[in-house]
Amino acid sequence: MKKLSKIYLLLLSGLSLSPMAFAQFQVTLVNPLKAKTFLEFIGYVINFLFVASFVIAPLMIVIAGFLMVTSGSSQKPQENIERAKAIVWYTMWGVIVILLAKGFITFMLNKFGIQVQW
């Protein structure tokens, strides 16, 4: 019990002195992002997702191809072939949606005359 009260007193005294001890230090935060405005930040996020989708899409096609090739050795080959077709179908539509979204954003920015450096 005595040991606990000593620790409590040390913590209490440390907390009371901490504002005075740290008053002489100045903390500055540096922006880790390249974007200076919120619109530029959104542009960087959109470009990242655009590039990432074109990295993920071929991987999904390869996974679907692997699933289709190995479906002959499985218990339910027709089910695996249908899954592979669905993966290719959804990947294709995902790429189309991403291309249309990027085009729509670019069109709207040009329509309203907003110039953003991404």
Protein backbone atom coordinates (compact mmCIF):
# COMPACT_ATOMS: atom_id res chain seq x y z
CA MET A 1 0.00 0.00 0.00
CA LYS A 2 2.86 2.34 0.83
CA LYS A 3 4.51 1.61 -2.52
CA LEU A 4 1.28 2.40 -4.37
CA SER A 5 0.91 5.75 -2.62
CA LYS A 6 4.50 6.69 -3.53
CA ILE A 7 3.83 5.91 -7.21
CA TYR A 8 0.61 7.89 -7.03
CA LEU A 9 2.42 10.89 -5.56
CA LEU A 10 5.14 10.70 -8.21
CA LEU A 11 2.57 10.63 -10.98
CA LEU A 12 0.61 13.47 -9.44
CA SER A 13 3.69 15.65 -9.03
CA GLY A 14 4.83 14.83 -12.57
CA LEU A 15 1.48 15.85 -13.98
CA SER A 16 1.48 19.11 -12.08
CA LEU A 17 4.96 20.02 -13.32
CA SER A 18 4.45 18.92 -16.90
CA PRO A 19 2.91 22.16 -18.26
CA MET A 20 5.80 24.19 -16.85
CA ALA A 21 8.41 21.73 -18.04
CA PHE A 22 7.13 21.62 -21.61
CA ALA A 23 6.25 25.31 -21.94
CA GLN A 24 9.63 26.07 -23.48
CA PHE A 25 9.25 23.60 -26.36
CA GLN A 26 7.60 24.60 -29.59
CA VAL A 27 5.92 21.92 -31.69
CA THR A 28 5.40 22.40 -35.40
CA LEU A 29 3.49 20.00 -37.58
CA VAL A 30 4.56 19.43 -41.17
CA ASN A 31 1.99 18.47 -43.78
CA PRO A 32 3.00 15.00 -45.07
CA LEU A 33 0.72 15.32 -48.10
CA LYS A 34 1.65 16.98 -51.35
CA ALA A 35 -1.83 18.50 -51.59
CA LYS A 36 -2.34 22.05 -50.44
CA THR A 37 -6.12 22.12 -50.81
CA PHE A 38 -8.91 19.64 -50.19
CA LEU A 39 -9.66 19.43 -53.91
CA GLU A 40 -6.07 18.42 -54.65
CA PHE A 41 -6.25 15.80 -51.90
CA ILE A 42 -9.40 14.32 -53.44
CA GLY A 43 -7.63 14.32 -56.80
CA TYR A 44 -4.69 12.37 -55.37
CA VAL A 45 -7.05 9.83 -53.80
CA ILE A 46 -8.93 9.41 -57.10
CA ASN A 47 -5.70 8.94 -59.04
CA PHE A 48 -4.46 6.39 -56.50
CA LEU A 49 -7.68 4.39 -56.77
CA PHE A 50 -7.54 4.65 -60.57
CA VAL A 51 -4.02 3.25 -60.72
CA ALA A 52 -4.72 0.62 -58.06
CA SER A 53 -7.73 -0.65 -60.00
CA PHE A 54 -5.60 -1.24 -63.07
CA VAL A 55 -3.18 -3.25 -60.95
CA ILE A 56 -5.92 -5.32 -59.32
CA ALA A 57 -7.98 -5.99 -62.48
CA PRO A 58 -5.37 -8.16 -64.26
CA LEU A 59 -4.77 -10.05 -61.02
CA MET A 60 -8.47 -10.84 -60.82
CA ILE A 61 -8.44 -12.07 -64.42
CA VAL A 62 -5.48 -14.34 -63.60
CA ILE A 63 -7.29 -15.66 -60.52
CA ALA A 64 -10.39 -16.38 -62.62
CA GLY A 65 -8.27 -18.15 -65.21
CA PHE A 66 -6.60 -20.25 -62.53
CA LEU A 67 -10.01 -21.12 -61.11
CA MET A 68 -11.28 -22.11 -64.53
CA VAL A 69 -8.22 -24.23 -65.36
CA THR A 70 -8.32 -26.08 -62.04
CA SER A 71 -12.09 -26.61 -62.08
CA GLY A 72 -11.72 -29.98 -63.80
CA SER A 73 -10.08 -31.52 -60.75
CA SER A 74 -12.65 -30.24 -58.25
CA GLN A 75 -15.81 -31.87 -56.93
CA LYS A 76 -18.09 -29.31 -58.61
CA PRO A 77 -16.46 -28.21 -61.89
CA GLN A 78 -19.53 -26.36 -63.21
CA GLU A 79 -19.76 -24.28 -60.03
CA ASN A 80 -16.10 -23.22 -60.29
CA ILE A 81 -16.51 -22.33 -63.97
CA GLU A 82 -19.51 -20.15 -63.10
CA ARG A 83 -17.50 -18.47 -60.32
CA ALA A 84 -14.65 -17.77 -62.75
CA LYS A 85 -17.06 -16.29 -65.28
CA ALA A 86 -18.59 -14.11 -62.57
CA ILE A 87 -15.16 -12.87 -61.50
CA VAL A 88 -14.29 -11.89 -65.09
CA TRP A 89 -17.71 -10.28 -65.58
CA TYR A 90 -17.56 -8.20 -62.38
CA THR A 91 -13.94 -7.22 -63.04
CA MET A 92 -14.86 -6.01 -66.53
CA TRP A 93 -17.78 -3.96 -65.22
CA GLY A 94 -15.67 -2.57 -62.39
CA VAL A 95 -13.05 -1.32 -64.84
CA ILE A 96 -15.78 0.24 -67.00
CA VAL A 97 -17.29 2.02 -63.98
CA ILE A 98 -13.88 3.31 -62.89
CA LEU A 99 -13.11 4.62 -66.38
CA LEU A 100 -16.50 6.34 -66.60
CA ALA A 101 -16.08 7.84 -63.13
CA LYS A 102 -12.64 9.23 -63.96
CA GLY A 103 -13.96 10.60 -67.25
CA PHE A 104 -16.98 12.16 -65.55
CA ILE A 105 -14.81 13.87 -62.93
CA THR A 106 -12.47 15.22 -65.61
CA PHE A 107 -15.43 16.39 -67.71
CA MET A 108 -17.07 18.19 -64.78
CA LEU A 109 -13.84 19.88 -63.72
CA ASN A 110 -13.29 21.11 -67.29
CA LYS A 111 -16.94 22.16 -67.62
CA PHE A 112 -16.73 24.38 -64.55
CA GLY A 113 -13.26 25.63 -65.43
CA ILE A 114 -11.51 24.21 -62.38
CA GLN A 115 -7.82 23.68 -62.94
CA VAL A 116 -6.28 21.12 -60.60
CA GLN A 117 -2.72 19.83 -60.81
CA TRP A 118 -2.70 16.14 -59.88
